[in-house]
Amino acid sequence: MRRLFTTALGAAAILSLSTTLALAEDMMDAETITAFVTGKTYEGINPESGEKVASVVYHADGTSTLWMAVEGSADEPGSYRIEGNTYCTRYLNFRENSENCFTLSPMDDGRAQAWYTDGRKALILAPIEMPERFQ
């Protein structure tokens, strides 16, 4: 019984490691993140429910503007930066002005799955038209 448990535990560890390595290989590099994010507008979609959560413009100057998917939501000023293979965001009031960093894995349809740097799944970024007020 102990040998079976040890074998099963070892197999689970190998599967987990291979999944982690596969995910790491699928992540965008700094150059790709820069091209994907800078000057673009995205809708943030909850990967579990498929519901729109928020939208964001990543301005070319490193600032960003976030607005929630709630009627009457005000624009939230913020900033973003790209460091290595991650991009980090910070907003004046959202998440108490804390910095949050993400990696991105491309999806087949032009969207990207964002991941917190600790491996937790974040929002899906889906490209949308930039609202006129930002053009």
N, C-alpha and C. Protein backbone atom coordinates (compact mmCIF):
# COMPACT_ATOMS: atom_id res chain seq x y z
N MET A 1 0.83 -1.19 0.00
CA MET A 1 0.00 0.00 0.00
C MET A 1 0.88 1.26 0.00
N ARG A 2 1.91 1.23 0.82
CA ARG A 2 2.80 2.39 0.90
C ARG A 2 3.50 2.63 -0.44
N ARG A 3 3.89 1.54 -1.10
CA ARG A 3 4.57 1.66 -2.40
C ARG A 3 3.62 2.25 -3.44
N LEU A 4 2.36 1.82 -3.43
CA LEU A 4 1.36 2.34 -4.36
C LEU A 4 1.17 3.84 -4.13
N PHE A 5 1.08 4.25 -2.87
CA PHE A 5 0.92 5.67 -2.53
C PHE A 5 2.13 6.47 -3.01
N THR A 6 3.34 5.96 -2.79
CA THR A 6 4.56 6.64 -3.20
C THR A 6 4.61 6.77 -4.72
N THR A 7 4.23 5.70 -5.42
CA THR A 7 4.20 5.74 -6.89
C THR A 7 3.19 6.76 -7.38
N ALA A 8 2.01 6.77 -6.79
CA ALA A 8 0.96 7.72 -7.19
C ALA A 8 1.40 9.15 -6.90
N LEU A 9 2.02 9.37 -5.76
CA LEU A 9 2.50 10.70 -5.40
C LEU A 9 3.58 11.16 -6.37
N GLY A 10 4.49 10.27 -6.73
CA GLY A 10 5.54 10.61 -7.69
C GLY A 10 4.96 10.94 -9.06
N ALA A 11 3.98 10.16 -9.49
CA ALA A 11 3.34 10.42 -10.79
C ALA A 11 2.63 11.77 -10.79
N ALA A 12 1.97 12.09 -9.69
CA ALA A 12 1.29 13.39 -9.58
C ALA A 12 2.29 14.53 -9.62
N ALA A 13 3.42 14.37 -8.97
CA ALA A 13 4.45 15.42 -8.98
C ALA A 13 5.01 15.62 -10.38
N ILE A 14 5.24 14.54 -11.10
CA ILE A 14 5.75 14.64 -12.47
C ILE A 14 4.72 15.31 -13.37
N LEU A 15 3.46 14.94 -13.24
CA LEU A 15 2.40 15.55 -14.04
C LEU A 15 2.30 17.04 -13.73
N SER A 16 2.36 17.39 -12.46
CA SER A 16 2.29 18.80 -12.06
C SER A 16 3.47 19.58 -12.63
N LEU A 17 4.66 19.03 -12.55
CA LEU A 17 5.85 19.70 -13.07
C LEU A 17 5.76 19.86 -14.58
N SER A 18 5.32 18.82 -15.28
CA SER A 18 5.23 18.92 -16.75
C SER A 18 4.17 19.93 -17.16
N THR A 19 3.07 20.03 -16.42
CA THR A 19 2.04 21.03 -16.70
C THR A 19 2.59 22.42 -16.47
N THR A 20 3.33 22.62 -15.38
CA THR A 20 3.94 23.91 -15.09
C THR A 20 4.93 24.30 -16.18
N LEU A 21 5.76 23.37 -16.61
CA LEU A 21 6.72 23.66 -17.67
C LEU A 21 6.02 23.98 -18.98
N ALA A 22 4.95 23.26 -19.29
CA ALA A 22 4.21 23.53 -20.52
C ALA A 22 3.61 24.93 -20.47
N LEU A 23 3.06 25.30 -19.32
CA LEU A 23 2.50 26.65 -19.17
C LEU A 23 3.59 27.70 -19.32
N ALA A 24 4.74 27.47 -18.73
CA ALA A 24 5.84 28.44 -18.81
C ALA A 24 6.28 28.62 -20.26
N GLU A 25 6.29 27.55 -21.02
CA GLU A 25 6.68 27.64 -22.43
C GLU A 25 5.67 28.41 -23.24
N ASP A 26 4.40 28.41 -22.83
CA ASP A 26 3.34 29.08 -23.56
C ASP A 26 3.20 30.55 -23.20
N MET A 27 3.92 31.03 -22.21
CA MET A 27 3.79 32.42 -21.78
C MET A 27 4.46 33.36 -22.77
N MET A 28 3.89 34.55 -22.90
CA MET A 28 4.46 35.57 -23.78
C MET A 28 5.76 36.09 -23.17
N ASP A 29 6.71 36.45 -24.04
CA ASP A 29 7.94 37.07 -23.57
C ASP A 29 7.73 38.59 -23.52
N ALA A 30 8.73 39.31 -23.04
CA ALA A 30 8.62 40.76 -22.84
C ALA A 30 8.26 41.50 -24.13
N GLU A 31 8.89 41.13 -25.22
CA GLU A 31 8.63 41.80 -26.50
C GLU A 31 7.18 41.57 -26.95
N THR A 32 6.69 40.36 -26.78
CA THR A 32 5.33 40.03 -27.17
C THR A 32 4.32 40.72 -26.26
N ILE A 33 4.60 40.75 -24.96
CA ILE A 33 3.72 41.46 -24.03
C ILE A 33 3.64 42.93 -24.39
N THR A 34 4.79 43.54 -24.67
CA THR A 34 4.82 44.95 -25.04
C THR A 34 3.94 45.21 -26.26
N ALA A 35 4.08 44.39 -27.29
CA ALA A 35 3.28 44.56 -28.51
C ALA A 35 1.80 44.29 -28.24
N PHE A 36 1.51 43.35 -27.37
CA PHE A 36 0.12 42.98 -27.08
C PHE A 36 -0.59 44.06 -26.27
N VAL A 37 0.10 44.68 -25.33
CA VAL A 37 -0.53 45.59 -24.37
C VAL A 37 -0.46 47.06 -24.80
N THR A 38 0.68 47.54 -25.19
CA THR A 38 0.91 48.98 -25.37
C THR A 38 0.02 49.58 -26.46
N GLY A 39 -0.73 50.61 -26.04
CA GLY A 39 -1.61 51.32 -26.96
C GLY A 39 -2.89 50.58 -27.30
N LYS A 40 -3.20 49.54 -26.55
CA LYS A 40 -4.36 48.70 -26.86
C LYS A 40 -5.44 48.81 -25.77
N THR A 41 -6.63 48.34 -26.13
CA THR A 41 -7.77 48.35 -25.22
C THR A 41 -8.29 46.93 -25.09
N TYR A 42 -8.58 46.51 -23.87
CA TYR A 42 -9.05 45.15 -23.62
C TYR A 42 -10.24 45.13 -22.69
N GLU A 43 -11.03 44.10 -22.86
CA GLU A 43 -12.11 43.78 -21.97
C GLU A 43 -11.60 42.64 -21.09
N GLY A 44 -11.75 42.76 -19.78
CA GLY A 44 -11.36 41.71 -18.86
C GLY A 44 -12.55 40.79 -18.60
N ILE A 45 -12.38 39.51 -18.89
CA ILE A 45 -13.47 38.55 -18.79
C ILE A 45 -13.13 37.51 -17.72
N ASN A 46 -14.10 37.24 -16.86
CA ASN A 46 -13.94 36.20 -15.85
C ASN A 46 -13.85 34.85 -16.56
N PRO A 47 -12.74 34.11 -16.40
CA PRO A 47 -12.59 32.85 -17.13
C PRO A 47 -13.56 31.76 -16.69
N GLU A 48 -14.11 31.88 -15.49
CA GLU A 48 -15.05 30.87 -14.99
C GLU A 48 -16.46 31.12 -15.50
N SER A 49 -16.93 32.38 -15.44
CA SER A 49 -18.31 32.69 -15.80
C SER A 49 -18.46 33.21 -17.22
N GLY A 50 -17.37 33.72 -17.81
CA GLY A 50 -17.45 34.33 -19.13
C GLY A 50 -17.99 35.74 -19.11
N GLU A 51 -18.23 36.28 -17.92
CA GLU A 51 -18.79 37.63 -17.79
C GLU A 51 -17.72 38.70 -17.87
N LYS A 52 -18.08 39.81 -18.50
CA LYS A 52 -17.20 40.97 -18.56
C LYS A 52 -17.10 41.58 -17.17
N VAL A 53 -15.87 41.84 -16.73
CA VAL A 53 -15.63 42.41 -15.40
C VAL A 53 -15.26 43.88 -15.50
N ALA A 54 -14.39 44.21 -16.45
CA ALA A 54 -13.89 45.57 -16.59
C ALA A 54 -13.28 45.73 -17.97
N SER A 55 -12.94 46.97 -18.31
CA SER A 55 -12.21 47.26 -19.55
C SER A 55 -11.06 48.18 -19.19
N VAL A 56 -10.01 48.15 -20.02
CA VAL A 56 -8.83 48.96 -19.73
C VAL A 56 -8.15 49.40 -21.02
N VAL A 57 -7.67 50.63 -21.01
CA VAL A 57 -6.83 51.14 -22.09
C VAL A 57 -5.42 51.23 -21.55
N TYR A 58 -4.46 50.63 -22.25
CA TYR A 58 -3.05 50.73 -21.91
C TYR A 58 -2.44 51.77 -22.85
N HIS A 59 -2.37 53.02 -22.39
CA HIS A 59 -1.86 54.11 -23.22
C HIS A 59 -0.37 53.91 -23.48
N ALA A 60 0.09 54.43 -24.61
CA ALA A 60 1.49 54.25 -25.02
C ALA A 60 2.49 54.87 -24.05
N ASP A 61 2.05 55.84 -23.23
CA ASP A 61 2.96 56.53 -22.31
C ASP A 61 3.11 55.81 -20.96
N GLY A 62 2.55 54.61 -20.81
CA GLY A 62 2.68 53.86 -19.56
C GLY A 62 1.55 54.12 -18.57
N THR A 63 0.62 55.00 -18.92
CA THR A 63 -0.56 55.18 -18.08
C THR A 63 -1.65 54.24 -18.58
N SER A 64 -2.63 54.03 -17.76
CA SER A 64 -3.76 53.20 -18.16
C SER A 64 -5.04 53.77 -17.55
N THR A 65 -6.15 53.39 -18.14
CA THR A 65 -7.45 53.81 -17.63
C THR A 65 -8.33 52.58 -17.55
N LEU A 66 -8.87 52.32 -16.37
CA LEU A 66 -9.71 51.17 -16.10
C LEU A 66 -11.13 51.64 -15.83
N TRP A 67 -12.12 50.92 -16.31
CA TRP A 67 -13.50 51.17 -15.91
C TRP A 67 -14.19 49.82 -15.76
N MET A 68 -14.96 49.72 -14.69
CA MET A 68 -15.63 48.48 -14.34
C MET A 68 -16.86 48.29 -15.22
N ALA A 69 -17.33 47.06 -15.33
CA ALA A 69 -18.49 46.73 -16.16
C ALA A 69 -19.78 46.94 -15.38
N VAL A 70 -19.85 48.03 -14.65
CA VAL A 70 -21.03 48.38 -13.87
C VAL A 70 -21.54 49.70 -14.43
N GLU A 71 -22.83 49.79 -14.66
CA GLU A 71 -23.42 51.01 -15.19
C GLU A 71 -23.01 52.21 -14.35
N GLY A 72 -22.52 53.25 -15.01
CA GLY A 72 -22.12 54.48 -14.32
C GLY A 72 -20.74 54.43 -13.70
N SER A 73 -19.98 53.40 -13.99
CA SER A 73 -18.63 53.28 -13.43
C SER A 73 -17.74 54.41 -13.93
N ALA A 74 -16.99 55.02 -13.03
CA ALA A 74 -16.08 56.11 -13.40
C ALA A 74 -14.75 55.54 -13.88
N ASP A 75 -14.07 56.31 -14.72
CA ASP A 75 -12.73 55.93 -15.17
C ASP A 75 -11.78 55.96 -13.98
N GLU A 76 -10.94 54.96 -13.89
CA GLU A 76 -9.97 54.83 -12.81
C GLU A 76 -8.57 55.00 -13.40
N PRO A 77 -7.87 56.10 -13.06
CA PRO A 77 -6.53 56.30 -13.61
C PRO A 77 -5.53 55.32 -13.00
N GLY A 78 -4.57 54.93 -13.81
CA GLY A 78 -3.55 54.01 -13.33
C GLY A 78 -2.31 54.05 -14.19
N SER A 79 -1.47 53.05 -13.96
CA SER A 79 -0.23 52.93 -14.74
C SER A 79 0.08 51.45 -14.92
N TYR A 80 0.95 51.19 -15.87
CA TYR A 80 1.41 49.82 -16.09
C TYR A 80 2.88 49.87 -16.47
N ARG A 81 3.53 48.75 -16.24
CA ARG A 81 4.93 48.63 -16.64
C ARG A 81 5.17 47.18 -17.03
N ILE A 82 6.16 46.99 -17.87
CA ILE A 82 6.53 45.65 -18.32
C ILE A 82 7.94 45.40 -17.83
N GLU A 83 8.09 44.32 -17.10
CA GLU A 83 9.40 43.96 -16.55
C GLU A 83 9.62 42.48 -16.77
N GLY A 84 10.63 42.16 -17.55
CA GLY A 84 10.85 40.75 -17.88
C GLY A 84 9.64 40.22 -18.63
N ASN A 85 9.18 39.07 -18.25
CA ASN A 85 8.03 38.46 -18.91
C ASN A 85 6.73 38.69 -18.15
N THR A 86 6.68 39.79 -17.41
CA THR A 86 5.46 40.14 -16.68
C THR A 86 5.07 41.57 -16.98
N TYR A 87 3.79 41.86 -16.78
CA TYR A 87 3.37 43.25 -16.80
C TYR A 87 2.64 43.51 -15.50
N CYS A 88 2.81 44.71 -14.99
CA CYS A 88 2.27 45.07 -13.68
C CYS A 88 1.36 46.28 -13.83
N THR A 89 0.27 46.29 -13.08
CA THR A 89 -0.67 47.40 -13.12
C THR A 89 -0.89 47.94 -11.71
N ARG A 90 -1.26 49.21 -11.67
CA ARG A 90 -1.58 49.86 -10.40
C ARG A 90 -2.63 50.93 -10.71
N TYR A 91 -3.68 50.99 -9.90
CA TYR A 91 -4.74 51.97 -10.09
C TYR A 91 -4.96 52.74 -8.80
N LEU A 92 -5.34 53.99 -8.94
CA LEU A 92 -5.44 54.90 -7.80
C LEU A 92 -6.29 54.34 -6.67
N ASN A 93 -7.48 53.84 -6.98
CA ASN A 93 -8.39 53.34 -5.94
C ASN A 93 -8.63 51.84 -6.01
N PHE A 94 -8.54 51.26 -7.18
CA PHE A 94 -8.81 49.83 -7.36
C PHE A 94 -7.73 49.00 -6.68
N ARG A 95 -8.15 48.03 -5.91
CA ARG A 95 -7.24 47.16 -5.14
C ARG A 95 -6.32 47.97 -4.23
N GLU A 96 -6.88 49.05 -3.70
CA GLU A 96 -6.18 49.90 -2.72
C GLU A 96 -4.82 50.38 -3.22
N ASN A 97 -4.72 50.70 -4.50
CA ASN A 97 -3.50 51.23 -5.10
C ASN A 97 -2.32 50.25 -5.01
N SER A 98 -2.62 48.96 -4.89
CA SER A 98 -1.53 47.97 -4.83
C SER A 98 -1.14 47.56 -6.25
N GLU A 99 0.13 47.21 -6.42
CA GLU A 99 0.59 46.75 -7.72
C GLU A 99 0.30 45.26 -7.87
N ASN A 100 -0.22 44.89 -9.02
CA ASN A 100 -0.50 43.49 -9.34
C ASN A 100 0.24 43.14 -10.62
N CYS A 101 0.95 42.02 -10.62
CA CYS A 101 1.75 41.62 -11.77
C CYS A 101 1.22 40.32 -12.36
N PHE A 102 1.34 40.21 -13.68
CA PHE A 102 0.76 39.11 -14.42
C PHE A 102 1.71 38.61 -15.51
N THR A 103 1.53 37.36 -15.87
CA THR A 103 2.09 36.83 -17.11
C THR A 103 0.91 36.61 -18.04
N LEU A 104 1.19 36.43 -19.32
CA LEU A 104 0.12 36.23 -20.30
C LEU A 104 0.41 35.01 -21.15
N SER A 105 -0.62 34.21 -21.37
CA SER A 105 -0.50 33.10 -22.33
C SER A 105 -1.50 33.37 -23.45
N PRO A 106 -1.02 33.30 -24.70
CA PRO A 106 -1.91 33.59 -25.83
C PRO A 106 -2.97 32.50 -25.99
N MET A 107 -4.14 32.92 -26.44
CA MET A 107 -5.21 31.99 -26.77
C MET A 107 -5.34 31.98 -28.30
N ASP A 108 -5.96 30.98 -28.84
CA ASP A 108 -6.03 30.83 -30.30
C ASP A 108 -6.86 31.91 -31.00
N ASP A 109 -7.69 32.63 -30.28
CA ASP A 109 -8.61 33.58 -30.89
C ASP A 109 -8.19 35.04 -30.74
N GLY A 110 -6.92 35.30 -30.43
CA GLY A 110 -6.44 36.68 -30.29
C GLY A 110 -6.56 37.22 -28.88
N ARG A 111 -7.18 36.45 -28.00
CA ARG A 111 -7.27 36.85 -26.60
C ARG A 111 -6.06 36.29 -25.86
N ALA A 112 -5.91 36.68 -24.60
CA ALA A 112 -4.83 36.15 -23.77
C ALA A 112 -5.36 35.86 -22.37
N GLN A 113 -4.88 34.77 -21.80
CA GLN A 113 -5.20 34.45 -20.41
C GLN A 113 -4.14 35.09 -19.53
N ALA A 114 -4.56 35.95 -18.61
CA ALA A 114 -3.63 36.55 -17.66
C ALA A 114 -3.52 35.62 -16.45
N TRP A 115 -2.31 35.56 -15.89
CA TRP A 115 -2.03 34.74 -14.71
C TRP A 115 -1.32 35.62 -13.69
N TYR A 116 -1.76 35.56 -12.44
CA TYR A 116 -0.98 36.21 -11.38
C TYR A 116 0.37 35.51 -11.33
N THR A 117 1.38 36.21 -10.89
CA THR A 117 2.72 35.63 -10.88
C THR A 117 2.85 34.45 -9.92
N ASP A 118 1.88 34.27 -9.02
CA ASP A 118 1.92 33.09 -8.14
C ASP A 118 1.23 31.88 -8.78
N GLY A 119 0.80 32.03 -10.05
CA GLY A 119 0.21 30.91 -10.77
C GLY A 119 -1.31 30.87 -10.79
N ARG A 120 -1.96 31.75 -10.02
CA ARG A 120 -3.43 31.77 -10.03
C ARG A 120 -3.93 32.38 -11.34
N LYS A 121 -5.03 31.85 -11.82
CA LYS A 121 -5.64 32.35 -13.05
C LYS A 121 -6.29 33.70 -12.78
N ALA A 122 -6.03 34.66 -13.66
CA ALA A 122 -6.66 35.99 -13.56
C ALA A 122 -7.68 36.11 -14.69
N LEU A 123 -7.89 37.30 -15.20
CA LEU A 123 -8.89 37.53 -16.24
C LEU A 123 -8.37 37.15 -17.62
N ILE A 124 -9.29 36.94 -18.53
CA ILE A 124 -8.97 36.80 -19.95
C ILE A 124 -9.02 38.20 -20.54
N LEU A 125 -8.01 38.58 -21.31
CA LEU A 125 -7.98 39.87 -21.98
C LEU A 125 -8.44 39.68 -23.42
N ALA A 126 -9.56 40.34 -23.76
CA ALA A 126 -10.12 40.27 -25.10
C ALA A 126 -10.05 41.65 -25.73
N PRO A 127 -9.43 41.77 -26.92
CA PRO A 127 -9.29 43.09 -27.55
C PRO A 127 -10.65 43.68 -27.92
N ILE A 128 -10.79 44.99 -27.68
CA ILE A 128 -11.99 45.72 -28.07
C ILE A 128 -11.57 47.04 -28.72
N GLU A 129 -12.52 47.70 -29.35
CA GLU A 129 -12.27 49.01 -29.95
C GLU A 129 -12.00 50.02 -28.84
N MET A 130 -11.05 50.91 -29.07
CA MET A 130 -10.76 51.96 -28.10
C MET A 130 -11.91 52.97 -28.13
N PRO A 131 -12.51 53.28 -26.98
CA PRO A 131 -13.59 54.27 -26.95
C PRO A 131 -13.10 55.63 -27.46
N GLU A 132 -14.01 56.35 -28.10
CA GLU A 132 -13.67 57.65 -28.70
C GLU A 132 -13.04 58.61 -27.70
N ARG A 133 -13.46 58.56 -26.45
CA ARG A 133 -12.94 59.51 -25.46
C ARG A 133 -11.43 59.37 -25.23
N PHE A 134 -10.84 58.27 -25.68
CA PHE A 134 -9.40 58.06 -25.52
C PHE A 134 -8.62 58.25 -26.82
N GLN A 135 -9.31 58.56 -27.89
CA GLN A 135 -8.63 58.70 -29.19
C GLN A 135 -8.23 60.13 -29.46
